[in-house]
Amino acid sequence: MSKIVEVTDRNFDREVLKSKLPVLACFEVEWSLSSYATCLFADKLTREYEDKVKFVKMDIEKSPEVSTRYHVIAVPSIFLFKDSQPLKKLLGFQNRRSLRALLNCVTAEEVLSSKN
């Protein structure tokens, strides 16, 4: 069963930047209700996108280095990484529909590139 992997400054590069799959990263803080809700929606999508997208979350208060590197100034911040690069960024609360639309962009690209 898929789940969201918790990452820190220490393992971010290995888990996100070196991932062979696209990565949806949820930057959050423990006390934020909108962070909790957005990451919960992401967690519910892990099974649907299993083997297509890796899901991670990071508490920016516990991991300030990566948060600073990517200029995370609002929580939640959702980043979509592919080939070690951030492709898209969404700020604030996101519902399941907006997360699915973001994920479909990258999974559609994967399907198109595999046909060429």
PDB file of N, CA and C in Angstrom:
ATOM      1  N   MET A   1       0.835  -1.182   0.000  1.00  0.00           N
ATOM      2  CA  MET A   1       0.000   0.000   0.000  1.00  0.00           C
ATOM      3  C   MET A   1       0.884   1.252   0.000  1.00  0.00           C
ATOM      4  N   SER A   2       0.585   2.176  -0.855  1.00  0.00           N
ATOM      5  CA  SER A   2       1.345   3.421  -0.958  1.00  0.00           C
ATOM      6  C   SER A   2       1.014   4.343   0.206  1.00  0.00           C
ATOM      7  N   LYS A   3       1.965   5.198   0.507  1.00  0.00           N
ATOM      8  CA  LYS A   3       1.730   6.209   1.529  1.00  0.00           C
ATOM      9  C   LYS A   3       2.676   7.368   1.283  1.00  0.00           C
ATOM     10  N   ILE A   4       2.452   8.446   2.001  1.00  0.00           N
ATOM     11  CA  ILE A   4       3.324   9.600   1.888  1.00  0.00           C
ATOM     12  C   ILE A   4       4.561   9.352   2.748  1.00  0.00           C
ATOM     13  N   VAL A   5       5.723   9.559   2.160  1.00  0.00           N
ATOM     14  CA  VAL A   5       6.995   9.390   2.851  1.00  0.00           C
ATOM     15  C   VAL A   5       7.361  10.719   3.508  1.00  0.00           C
ATOM     16  N   GLU A   6       7.723  10.685   4.781  1.00  0.00           N
ATOM     17  CA  GLU A   6       8.176  11.896   5.460  1.00  0.00           C
ATOM     18  C   GLU A   6       9.644  12.114   5.147  1.00  0.00           C
ATOM     19  N   VAL A   7       9.974  13.320   4.666  1.00  0.00           N
ATOM     20  CA  VAL A   7      11.358  13.637   4.344  1.00  0.00           C
ATOM     21  C   VAL A   7      11.845  14.795   5.207  1.00  0.00           C
ATOM     22  N   THR A   8      13.168  14.899   5.293  1.00  0.00           N
ATOM     23  CA  THR A   8      13.812  15.941   6.082  1.00  0.00           C
ATOM     24  C   THR A   8      14.926  16.559   5.242  1.00  0.00           C
ATOM     25  N   ASP A   9      15.582  17.554   5.794  1.00  0.00           N
ATOM     26  CA  ASP A   9      16.741  18.130   5.120  1.00  0.00           C
ATOM     27  C   ASP A   9      17.768  17.045   4.793  1.00  0.00           C
ATOM     28  N   ARG A  10      17.884  16.083   5.679  1.00  0.00           N
ATOM     29  CA  ARG A  10      18.896  15.040   5.551  1.00  0.00           C
ATOM     30  C   ARG A  10      18.665  14.096   4.360  1.00  0.00           C
ATOM     31  N   ASN A  11      17.402  13.734   4.096  1.00  0.00           N
ATOM     32  CA  ASN A  11      17.150  12.742   3.042  1.00  0.00           C
ATOM     33  C   ASN A  11      16.393  13.295   1.827  1.00  0.00           C
ATOM     34  N   PHE A  12      16.169  14.602   1.776  1.00  0.00           N
ATOM     35  CA  PHE A  12      15.399  15.202   0.687  1.00  0.00           C
ATOM     36  C   PHE A  12      16.011  14.913  -0.690  1.00  0.00           C
ATOM     37  N   ASP A  13      17.297  15.149  -0.842  1.00  0.00           N
ATOM     38  CA  ASP A  13      17.926  14.943  -2.156  1.00  0.00           C
ATOM     39  C   ASP A  13      17.761  13.501  -2.625  1.00  0.00           C
ATOM     40  N   ARG A  14      17.972  12.556  -1.733  1.00  0.00           N
ATOM     41  CA  ARG A  14      17.855  11.136  -2.098  1.00  0.00           C
ATOM     42  C   ARG A  14      16.411  10.757  -2.432  1.00  0.00           C
ATOM     43  N   GLU A  15      15.476  11.185  -1.586  1.00  0.00           N
ATOM     44  CA  GLU A  15      14.079  10.777  -1.759  1.00  0.00           C
ATOM     45  C   GLU A  15      13.350  11.523  -2.872  1.00  0.00           C
ATOM     46  N   VAL A  16      13.742  12.777  -3.127  1.00  0.00           N
ATOM     47  CA  VAL A  16      13.009  13.606  -4.088  1.00  0.00           C
ATOM     48  C   VAL A  16      13.815  13.831  -5.366  1.00  0.00           C
ATOM     49  N   LEU A  17      14.962  14.426  -5.235  1.00  0.00           N
ATOM     50  CA  LEU A  17      15.733  14.813  -6.420  1.00  0.00           C
ATOM     51  C   LEU A  17      16.286  13.620  -7.192  1.00  0.00           C
ATOM     52  N   LYS A  18      16.564  12.526  -6.518  1.00  0.00           N
ATOM     53  CA  LYS A  18      17.105  11.340  -7.194  1.00  0.00           C
ATOM     54  C   LYS A  18      16.032  10.296  -7.509  1.00  0.00           C
ATOM     55  N   SER A  19      14.794  10.627  -7.286  1.00  0.00           N
ATOM     56  CA  SER A  19      13.702   9.701  -7.557  1.00  0.00           C
ATOM     57  C   SER A  19      13.533   9.497  -9.060  1.00  0.00           C
ATOM     58  N   LYS A  20      13.320   8.260  -9.434  1.00  0.00           N
ATOM     59  CA  LYS A  20      13.056   7.960 -10.848  1.00  0.00           C
ATOM     60  C   LYS A  20      11.634   8.356 -11.241  1.00  0.00           C
ATOM     61  N   LEU A  21      10.745   8.408 -10.267  1.00  0.00           N
ATOM     62  CA  LEU A  21       9.357   8.812 -10.502  1.00  0.00           C
ATOM     63  C   LEU A  21       9.205  10.310 -10.264  1.00  0.00           C
ATOM     64  N   PRO A  22       8.206  10.944 -10.879  1.00  0.00           N
ATOM     65  CA  PRO A  22       7.864  12.313 -10.487  1.00  0.00           C
ATOM     66  C   PRO A  22       7.479  12.309  -9.010  1.00  0.00           C
ATOM     67  N   VAL A  23       7.707  13.418  -8.318  1.00  0.00           N
ATOM     68  CA  VAL A  23       7.439  13.488  -6.876  1.00  0.00           C
ATOM     69  C   VAL A  23       6.516  14.661  -6.572  1.00  0.00           C
ATOM     70  N   LEU A  24       5.442  14.379  -5.844  1.00  0.00           N
ATOM     71  CA  LEU A  24       4.591  15.428  -5.308  1.00  0.00           C
ATOM     72  C   LEU A  24       5.047  15.640  -3.867  1.00  0.00           C
ATOM     73  N   ALA A  25       5.550  16.841  -3.580  1.00  0.00           N
ATOM     74  CA  ALA A  25       6.052  17.170  -2.245  1.00  0.00           C
ATOM     75  C   ALA A  25       5.128  18.171  -1.579  1.00  0.00           C
ATOM     76  N   CYS A  26       4.662  17.825  -0.391  1.00  0.00           N
ATOM     77  CA  CYS A  26       3.787  18.685   0.391  1.00  0.00           C
ATOM     78  C   CYS A  26       4.615  19.288   1.523  1.00  0.00           C
ATOM     79  N   PHE A  27       4.901  20.580   1.423  1.00  0.00           N
ATOM     80  CA  PHE A  27       5.611  21.297   2.477  1.00  0.00           C
ATOM     81  C   PHE A  27       4.564  21.824   3.443  1.00  0.00           C
ATOM     82  N   GLU A  28       4.698  21.462   4.714  1.00  0.00           N
ATOM     83  CA  GLU A  28       3.656  21.743   5.691  1.00  0.00           C
ATOM     84  C   GLU A  28       4.265  22.157   7.029  1.00  0.00           C
ATOM     85  N   VAL A  29       3.392  22.505   7.948  1.00  0.00           N
ATOM     86  CA  VAL A  29       3.743  22.640   9.358  1.00  0.00           C
ATOM     87  C   VAL A  29       2.703  21.867  10.153  1.00  0.00           C
ATOM     88  N   GLU A  30       3.145  21.334  11.248  1.00  0.00           N
ATOM     89  CA  GLU A  30       2.305  20.456  12.055  1.00  0.00           C
ATOM     90  C   GLU A  30       1.007  21.108  12.529  1.00  0.00           C
ATOM     91  N   TRP A  31       1.049  22.391  12.858  1.00  0.00           N
ATOM     92  CA  TRP A  31      -0.092  23.070  13.471  1.00  0.00           C
ATOM     93  C   TRP A  31      -1.085  23.661  12.467  1.00  0.00           C
ATOM     94  N   SER A  32      -0.824  23.569  11.173  1.00  0.00           N
ATOM     95  CA  SER A  32      -1.682  24.196  10.165  1.00  0.00           C
ATOM     96  C   SER A  32      -2.794  23.256   9.693  1.00  0.00           C
ATOM     97  N   LEU A  33      -4.032  23.679   9.887  1.00  0.00           N
ATOM     98  CA  LEU A  33      -5.169  22.858   9.452  1.00  0.00           C
ATOM     99  C   LEU A  33      -5.222  22.719   7.934  1.00  0.00           C
ATOM    100  N   SER A  34      -4.895  23.789   7.190  1.00  0.00           N
ATOM    101  CA  SER A  34      -4.933  23.684   5.725  1.00  0.00           C
ATOM    102  C   SER A  34      -3.813  22.766   5.221  1.00  0.00           C
ATOM    103  N   SER A  35      -2.670  22.761   5.913  1.00  0.00           N
ATOM    104  CA  SER A  35      -1.605  21.812   5.562  1.00  0.00           C
ATOM    105  C   SER A  35      -2.091  20.393   5.782  1.00  0.00           C
ATOM    106  N   TYR A  36      -2.693  20.161   6.937  1.00  0.00           N
ATOM    107  CA  TYR A  36      -3.180  18.830   7.273  1.00  0.00           C
ATOM    108  C   TYR A  36      -4.191  18.351   6.235  1.00  0.00           C
ATOM    109  N   ALA A  37      -5.140  19.200   5.896  1.00  0.00           N
ATOM    110  CA  ALA A  37      -6.185  18.808   4.941  1.00  0.00           C
ATOM    111  C   ALA A  37      -5.595  18.527   3.553  1.00  0.00           C
ATOM    112  N   THR A  38      -4.706  19.384   3.092  1.00  0.00           N
ATOM    113  CA  THR A  38      -4.110  19.192   1.764  1.00  0.00           C
ATOM    114  C   THR A  38      -3.296  17.909   1.721  1.00  0.00           C
ATOM    115  N   CYS A  39      -2.482  17.679   2.735  1.00  0.00           N
ATOM    116  CA  CYS A  39      -1.671  16.457   2.755  1.00  0.00           C
ATOM    117  C   CYS A  39      -2.543  15.215   2.923  1.00  0.00           C
ATOM    118  N   LEU A  40      -3.672  15.353   3.608  1.00  0.00           N
ATOM    119  CA  LEU A  40      -4.606  14.236   3.723  1.00  0.00           C
ATOM    120  C   LEU A  40      -5.193  13.888   2.355  1.00  0.00           C
ATOM    121  N   PHE A  41      -5.560  14.901   1.570  1.00  0.00           N
ATOM    122  CA  PHE A  41      -6.040  14.647   0.213  1.00  0.00           C
ATOM    123  C   PHE A  41      -4.952  13.968  -0.617  1.00  0.00           C
ATOM    124  N   ALA A  42      -3.719  14.438  -0.481  1.00  0.00           N
ATOM    125  CA  ALA A  42      -2.606  13.826  -1.207  1.00  0.00           C
ATOM    126  C   ALA A  42      -2.454  12.365  -0.797  1.00  0.00           C
ATOM    127  N   ASP A  43      -2.581  12.098   0.504  1.00  0.00           N
ATOM    128  CA  ASP A  43      -2.451  10.736   1.004  1.00  0.00           C
ATOM    129  C   ASP A  43      -3.509   9.824   0.387  1.00  0.00           C
ATOM    130  N   LYS A  44      -4.706  10.350   0.188  1.00  0.00           N
ATOM    131  CA  LYS A  44      -5.781   9.546  -0.397  1.00  0.00           C
ATOM    132  C   LYS A  44      -5.546   9.262  -1.891  1.00  0.00           C
ATOM    133  N   LEU A  45      -4.670  10.035  -2.532  1.00  0.00           N
ATOM    134  CA  LEU A  45      -4.373   9.833  -3.951  1.00  0.00           C
ATOM    135  C   LEU A  45      -3.196   8.869  -4.184  1.00  0.00           C
ATOM    136  N   THR A  46      -2.495   8.505  -3.127  1.00  0.00           N
ATOM    137  CA  THR A  46      -1.292   7.677  -3.312  1.00  0.00           C
ATOM    138  C   THR A  46      -1.599   6.340  -3.983  1.00  0.00           C
ATOM    139  N   ARG A  47      -2.694   5.735  -3.622  1.00  0.00           N
ATOM    140  CA  ARG A  47      -3.040   4.437  -4.217  1.00  0.00           C
ATOM    141  C   ARG A  47      -3.383   4.582  -5.704  1.00  0.00           C
ATOM    142  N   GLU A  48      -4.087   5.662  -6.034  1.00  0.00           N
ATOM    143  CA  GLU A  48      -4.493   5.909  -7.423  1.00  0.00           C
ATOM    144  C   GLU A  48      -3.286   6.123  -8.348  1.00  0.00           C
ATOM    145  N   TYR A  49      -2.229   6.748  -7.816  1.00  0.00           N
ATOM    146  CA  TYR A  49      -1.042   7.067  -8.629  1.00  0.00           C
ATOM    147  C   TYR A  49       0.158   6.193  -8.275  1.00  0.00           C
ATOM    148  N   GLU A  50      -0.095   5.069  -7.633  1.00  0.00           N
ATOM    149  CA  GLU A  50       0.971   4.144  -7.254  1.00  0.00           C
ATOM    150  C   GLU A  50       1.776   3.734  -8.493  1.00  0.00           C
ATOM    151  N   ASP A  51       3.069   3.698  -8.359  1.00  0.00           N
ATOM    152  CA  ASP A  51       4.008   3.359  -9.440  1.00  0.00           C
ATOM    153  C   ASP A  51       4.089   4.421 -10.535  1.00  0.00           C
ATOM    154  N   LYS A  52       3.393   5.545 -10.359  1.00  0.00           N
ATOM    155  CA  LYS A  52       3.462   6.644 -11.323  1.00  0.00           C
ATOM    156  C   LYS A  52       4.059   7.898 -10.689  1.00  0.00           C
ATOM    157  N   VAL A  53       3.732   8.131  -9.411  1.00  0.00           N
ATOM    158  CA  VAL A  53       4.167   9.331  -8.696  1.00  0.00           C
ATOM    159  C   VAL A  53       4.532   8.932  -7.269  1.00  0.00           C
ATOM    160  N   LYS A  54       5.615   9.520  -6.779  1.00  0.00           N
ATOM    161  CA  LYS A  54       6.008   9.336  -5.381  1.00  0.00           C
ATOM    162  C   LYS A  54       5.479  10.529  -4.592  1.00  0.00           C
ATOM    163  N   PHE A  55       4.968  10.281  -3.391  1.00  0.00           N
ATOM    164  CA  PHE A  55       4.406  11.316  -2.538  1.00  0.00           C
ATOM    165  C   PHE A  55       5.281  11.485  -1.304  1.00  0.00           C
ATOM    166  N   VAL A  56       5.649  12.729  -1.004  1.00  0.00           N
ATOM    167  CA  VAL A  56       6.427  13.018   0.202  1.00  0.00           C
ATOM    168  C   VAL A  56       5.848  14.241   0.897  1.00  0.00           C
ATOM    169  N   LYS A  57       6.147  14.356   2.183  1.00  0.00           N
ATOM    170  CA  LYS A  57       5.774  15.558   2.921  1.00  0.00           C
ATOM    171  C   LYS A  57       6.936  15.950   3.815  1.00  0.00           C
ATOM    172  N   MET A  58       7.022  17.261   4.075  1.00  0.00           N
ATOM    173  CA  MET A  58       8.108  17.795   4.875  1.00  0.00           C
ATOM    174  C   MET A  58       7.584  18.893   5.783  1.00  0.00           C
ATOM    175  N   ASP A  59       7.937  18.818   7.063  1.00  0.00           N
ATOM    176  CA  ASP A  59       7.604  19.870   8.015  1.00  0.00           C
ATOM    177  C   ASP A  59       8.680  20.948   7.889  1.00  0.00           C
ATOM    178  N   ILE A  60       8.289  22.132   7.442  1.00  0.00           N
ATOM    179  CA  ILE A  60       9.287  23.170   7.164  1.00  0.00           C
ATOM    180  C   ILE A  60       9.944  23.708   8.430  1.00  0.00           C
ATOM    181  N   GLU A  61       9.276  23.590   9.557  1.00  0.00           N
ATOM    182  CA  GLU A  61       9.891  24.045  10.805  1.00  0.00           C
ATOM    183  C   GLU A  61      10.989  23.099  11.267  1.00  0.00           C
ATOM    184  N   LYS A  62      10.859  21.829  10.931  1.00  0.00           N
ATOM    185  CA  LYS A  62      11.866  20.842  11.320  1.00  0.00           C
ATOM    186  C   LYS A  62      12.966  20.709  10.272  1.00  0.00           C
ATOM    187  N   SER A  63      12.724  21.212   9.062  1.00  0.00           N
ATOM    188  CA  SER A  63      13.689  21.106   7.963  1.00  0.00           C
ATOM    189  C   SER A  63      13.794  22.439   7.228  1.00  0.00           C
ATOM    190  N   PRO A  64      14.432  23.428   7.844  1.00  0.00           N
ATOM    191  CA  PRO A  64      14.478  24.766   7.254  1.00  0.00           C
ATOM    192  C   PRO A  64      15.386  24.897   6.026  1.00  0.00           C
ATOM    193  N   GLU A  65      16.361  24.021   5.880  1.00  0.00           N
ATOM    194  CA  GLU A  65      17.314  24.152   4.771  1.00  0.00           C
ATOM    195  C   GLU A  65      16.628  24.003   3.413  1.00  0.00           C
ATOM    196  N   VAL A  66      15.903  22.930   3.227  1.00  0.00           N
ATOM    197  CA  VAL A  66      15.217  22.689   1.947  1.00  0.00           C
ATOM    198  C   VAL A  66      14.120  23.725   1.730  1.00  0.00           C
ATOM    199  N   SER A  67      13.419  24.078   2.780  1.00  0.00           N
ATOM    200  CA  SER A  67      12.358  25.084   2.682  1.00  0.00           C
ATOM    201  C   SER A  67      12.918  26.410   2.186  1.00  0.00           C
ATOM    202  N   THR A  68      14.073  26.783   2.670  1.00  0.00           N
ATOM    203  CA  THR A  68      14.726  28.012   2.234  1.00  0.00           C
ATOM    204  C   THR A  68      15.196  27.892   0.790  1.00  0.00           C
ATOM    205  N   ARG A  69      15.760  26.748   0.444  1.00  0.00           N
ATOM    206  CA  ARG A  69      16.261  26.525  -0.926  1.00  0.00           C
ATOM    207  C   ARG A  69      15.166  26.720  -1.966  1.00  0.00           C
ATOM    208  N   TYR A  70      13.945  26.289  -1.653  1.00  0.00           N
ATOM    209  CA  TYR A  70      12.838  26.386  -2.610  1.00  0.00           C
ATOM    210  C   TYR A  70      11.884  27.544  -2.295  1.00  0.00           C
ATOM    211  N   HIS A  71      12.309  28.448  -1.441  1.00  0.00           N
ATOM    212  CA  HIS A  71      11.553  29.664  -1.129  1.00  0.00           C
ATOM    213  C   HIS A  71      10.123  29.364  -0.686  1.00  0.00           C
ATOM    214  N   VAL A  72       9.976  28.412   0.223  1.00  0.00           N
ATOM    215  CA  VAL A  72       8.657  28.079   0.751  1.00  0.00           C
ATOM    216  C   VAL A  72       8.287  29.147   1.776  1.00  0.00           C
ATOM    217  N   ILE A  73       7.311  29.978   1.427  1.00  0.00           N
ATOM    218  CA  ILE A  73       6.910  31.072   2.309  1.00  0.00           C
ATOM    219  C   ILE A  73       5.467  30.932   2.795  1.00  0.00           C
ATOM    220  N   ALA A  74       4.742  29.984   2.239  1.00  0.00           N
ATOM    221  CA  ALA A  74       3.353  29.742   2.648  1.00  0.00           C
ATOM    222  C   ALA A  74       3.169  28.244   2.824  1.00  0.00           C
ATOM    223  N   VAL A  75       2.287  27.885   3.734  1.00  0.00           N
ATOM    224  CA  VAL A  75       1.966  26.474   3.916  1.00  0.00           C
ATOM    225  C   VAL A  75       0.464  26.277   3.801  1.00  0.00           C
ATOM    226  N   PRO A  76       0.079  25.202   3.200  1.00  0.00           N
ATOM    227  CA  PRO A  76       0.973  24.262   2.545  1.00  0.00           C
ATOM    228  C   PRO A  76       1.456  24.805   1.197  1.00  0.00           C
ATOM    229  N   SER A  77       2.616  24.325   0.803  1.00  0.00           N
ATOM    230  CA  SER A  77       3.127  24.552  -0.554  1.00  0.00           C
ATOM    231  C   SER A  77       3.305  23.178  -1.180  1.00  0.00           C
ATOM    232  N   ILE A  78       2.760  23.017  -2.353  1.00  0.00           N
ATOM    233  CA  ILE A  78       2.854  21.751  -3.069  1.00  0.00           C
ATOM    234  C   ILE A  78       3.788  21.951  -4.254  1.00  0.00           C
ATOM    235  N   PHE A  79       4.802  21.108  -4.331  1.00  0.00           N
ATOM    236  CA  PHE A  79       5.732  21.140  -5.461  1.00  0.00           C
ATOM    237  C   PHE A  79       5.615  19.830  -6.206  1.00  0.00           C
ATOM    238  N   LEU A  80       5.713  19.913  -7.512  1.00  0.00           N
ATOM    239  CA  LEU A  80       5.799  18.720  -8.337  1.00  0.00           C
ATOM    240  C   LEU A  80       7.192  18.706  -8.948  1.00  0.00           C
ATOM    241  N   PHE A  81       7.971  17.693  -8.589  1.00  0.00           N
ATOM    242  CA  PHE A  81       9.336  17.541  -9.083  1.00  0.00           C
ATOM    243  C   PHE A  81       9.387  16.441 -10.131  1.00  0.00           C
ATOM    244  N   LYS A  82      10.211  16.666 -11.143  1.00  0.00           N
ATOM    245  CA  LYS A  82      10.459  15.633 -12.144  1.00  0.00           C
ATOM    246  C   LYS A  82      11.890  15.811 -12.627  1.00  0.00           C
ATOM    247  N   ASP A  83      12.632  14.720 -12.681  1.00  0.00           N
ATOM    248  CA  ASP A  83      14.033  14.761 -13.098  1.00  0.00           C
ATOM    249  C   ASP A  83      14.813  15.784 -12.275  1.00  0.00           C
ATOM    250  N   SER A  84      14.607  15.771 -10.980  1.00  0.00           N
ATOM    251  CA  SER A  84      15.282  16.603  -9.973  1.00  0.00           C
ATOM    252  C   SER A  84      14.960  18.097 -10.068  1.00  0.00           C
ATOM    253  N   GLN A  85      13.985  18.470 -10.864  1.00  0.00           N
ATOM    254  CA  GLN A  85      13.626  19.886 -11.028  1.00  0.00           C
ATOM    255  C   GLN A  85      12.181  20.129 -10.586  1.00  0.00           C
ATOM    256  N   PRO A  86      11.936  21.259  -9.915  1.00  0.00           N
ATOM    257  CA  PRO A  86      10.541  21.591  -9.600  1.00  0.00           C
ATOM    258  C   PRO A  86       9.824  22.070 -10.862  1.00  0.00           C
ATOM    259  N   LEU A  87       8.754  21.382 -11.227  1.00  0.00           N
ATOM    260  CA  LEU A  87       7.994  21.745 -12.433  1.00  0.00           C
ATOM    261  C   LEU A  87       6.881  22.734 -12.138  1.00  0.00           C
ATOM    262  N   LYS A  88       6.166  22.494 -11.041  1.00  0.00           N
ATOM    263  CA  LYS A  88       5.015  23.320 -10.699  1.00  0.00           C
ATOM    264  C   LYS A  88       4.970  23.515  -9.195  1.00  0.00           C
ATOM    265  N   LYS A  89       4.318  24.627  -8.796  1.00  0.00           N
ATOM    266  CA  LYS A  89       4.187  24.951  -7.383  1.00  0.00           C
ATOM    267  C   LYS A  89       2.786  25.491  -7.134  1.00  0.00           C
ATOM    268  N   LEU A  90       2.119  24.966  -6.120  1.00  0.00           N
ATOM    269  CA  LEU A  90       0.801  25.440  -5.712  1.00  0.00           C
ATOM    270  C   LEU A  90       0.894  25.913  -4.270  1.00  0.00           C
ATOM    271  N   LEU A  91       0.299  27.059  -3.984  1.00  0.00           N
ATOM    272  CA  LEU A  91       0.346  27.611  -2.632  1.00  0.00           C
ATOM    273  C   LEU A  91      -1.014  27.535  -1.970  1.00  0.00           C
ATOM    274  N   GLY A  92      -1.008  27.259  -0.673  1.00  0.00           N
ATOM    275  CA  GLY A  92      -2.238  27.248   0.100  1.00  0.00           C
ATOM    276  C   GLY A  92      -3.025  25.955  -0.038  1.00  0.00           C
ATOM    277  N   PHE A  93      -4.171  25.946   0.583  1.00  0.00           N
ATOM    278  CA  PHE A  93      -5.027  24.757   0.594  1.00  0.00           C
ATOM    279  C   PHE A  93      -5.332  24.292  -0.825  1.00  0.00           C
ATOM    280  N   GLN A  94      -5.222  22.996  -1.038  1.00  0.00           N
ATOM    281  CA  GLN A  94      -5.561  22.385  -2.329  1.00  0.00           C
ATOM    282  C   GLN A  94      -6.532  21.238  -2.070  1.00  0.00           C
ATOM    283  N   ASN A  95      -7.587  21.170  -2.872  1.00  0.00           N
ATOM    284  CA  ASN A  95      -8.506  20.050  -2.725  1.00  0.00           C
ATOM    285  C   ASN A  95      -8.044  18.885  -3.614  1.00  0.00           C
ATOM    286  N   ARG A  96      -8.733  17.795  -3.505  1.00  0.00           N
ATOM    287  CA  ARG A  96      -8.339  16.591  -4.240  1.00  0.00           C
ATOM    288  C   ARG A  96      -8.377  16.825  -5.756  1.00  0.00           C
ATOM    289  N   ARG A  97      -9.342  17.598  -6.229  1.00  0.00           N
ATOM    290  CA  ARG A  97      -9.466  17.866  -7.668  1.00  0.00           C
ATOM    291  C   ARG A  97      -8.237  18.613  -8.197  1.00  0.00           C
ATOM    292  N   SER A  98      -7.780  19.641  -7.478  1.00  0.00           N
ATOM    293  CA  SER A  98      -6.618  20.400  -7.949  1.00  0.00           C
ATOM    294  C   SER A  98      -5.346  19.556  -7.888  1.00  0.00           C
ATOM    295  N   LEU A  99      -5.215  18.720  -6.869  1.00  0.00           N
ATOM    296  CA  LEU A  99      -4.051  17.831  -6.795  1.00  0.00           C
ATOM    297  C   LEU A  99      -4.067  16.807  -7.931  1.00  0.00           C
ATOM    298  N   ARG A 100      -5.250  16.273  -8.208  1.00  0.00           N
ATOM    299  CA  ARG A 100      -5.375  15.298  -9.292  1.00  0.00           C
ATOM    300  C   ARG A 100      -5.040  15.945 -10.642  1.00  0.00           C
ATOM    301  N   ALA A 101      -5.489  17.177 -10.860  1.00  0.00           N
ATOM    302  CA  ALA A 101      -5.174  17.881 -12.112  1.00  0.00           C
ATOM    303  C   ALA A 101      -3.663  18.073 -12.255  1.00  0.00           C
ATOM    304  N   LEU A 102      -3.004  18.422 -11.168  1.00  0.00           N
ATOM    305  CA  LEU A 102      -1.547  18.579 -11.177  1.00  0.00           C
ATOM    306  C   LEU A 102      -0.864  17.249 -11.501  1.00  0.00           C
ATOM    307  N   LEU A 103      -1.299  16.195 -10.874  1.00  0.00           N
ATOM    308  CA  LEU A 103      -0.705  14.876 -11.095  1.00  0.00           C
ATOM    309  C   LEU A 103      -0.978  14.365 -12.505  1.00  0.00           C
ATOM    310  N   ASN A 104      -2.153  14.647 -13.029  1.00  0.00           N
ATOM    311  CA  ASN A 104      -2.481  14.200 -14.378  1.00  0.00           C
ATOM    312  C   ASN A 104      -1.592  14.856 -15.427  1.00  0.00           C
ATOM    313  N   CYS A 105      -1.143  16.068 -15.163  1.00  0.00           N
ATOM    314  CA  CYS A 105      -0.218  16.738 -16.097  1.00  0.00           C
ATOM    315  C   CYS A 105       1.045  15.914 -16.264  1.00  0.00           C
ATOM    316  N   VAL A 106       1.624  15.506 -15.165  1.00  0.00           N
ATOM    317  CA  VAL A 106       2.894  14.777 -15.239  1.00  0.00           C
ATOM    318  C   VAL A 106       2.692  13.328 -15.678  1.00  0.00           C
ATOM    319  N   THR A 107       1.613  12.685 -15.286  1.00  0.00           N
ATOM    320  CA  THR A 107       1.409  11.304 -15.699  1.00  0.00           C
ATOM    321  C   THR A 107       1.026  11.237 -17.180  1.00  0.00           C
ATOM    322  N   ALA A 108       0.334  12.244 -17.683  1.00  0.00           N
ATOM    323  CA  ALA A 108       0.018  12.310 -19.121  1.00  0.00           C
ATOM    324  C   ALA A 108       1.301  12.480 -19.925  1.00  0.00           C
ATOM    325  N   GLU A 109       2.228  13.295 -19.432  1.00  0.00           N
ATOM    326  CA  GLU A 109       3.524  13.459 -20.102  1.00  0.00           C
ATOM    327  C   GLU A 109       4.271  12.141 -20.172  1.00  0.00           C
ATOM    328  N   GLU A 110       4.208  11.357 -19.099  1.00  0.00           N
ATOM    329  CA  GLU A 110       4.891  10.061 -19.049  1.00  0.00           C
ATOM    330  C   GLU A 110       4.329   9.132 -20.130  1.00  0.00           C
ATOM    331  N   VAL A 111       3.004   9.116 -20.254  1.00  0.00           N
ATOM    332  CA  VAL A 111       2.357   8.255 -21.249  1.00  0.00           C
ATOM    333  C   VAL A 111       2.767   8.700 -22.652  1.00  0.00           C
ATOM    334  N   LEU A 112       2.744  10.006 -22.913  1.00  0.00           N
ATOM    335  CA  LEU A 112       3.113  10.521 -24.234  1.00  0.00           C
ATOM    336  C   LEU A 112       4.572  10.222 -24.569  1.00  0.00           C
ATOM    337  N   SER A 113       5.469  10.413 -23.625  1.00  0.00           N
ATOM    338  CA  SER A 113       6.882  10.186 -23.918  1.00  0.00           C
ATOM    339  C   SER A 113       7.190   8.703 -24.111  1.00  0.00           C
ATOM    340  N   SER A 114       6.425   7.816 -23.474  1.00  0.00           N
ATOM    341  CA  SER A 114       6.672   6.384 -23.662  1.00  0.00           C
ATOM    342  C   SER A 114       6.174   5.891 -25.009  1.00  0.00           C
ATOM    343  N   LYS A 115       5.258   6.648 -25.647  1.00  0.00           N
ATOM    344  CA  LYS A 115       4.746   6.257 -26.962  1.00  0.00           C
ATOM    345  C   LYS A 115       5.684   6.708 -28.086  1.00  0.00           C
ATOM    346  N   ASN A 116       6.535   7.685 -27.831  1.00  0.00           N
ATOM    347  CA  ASN A 116       7.445   8.195 -28.860  1.00  0.00           C
ATOM    348  C   ASN A 116       8.694   7.356 -28.982  1.00  0.00           C
TER     349      ASN A 116
END
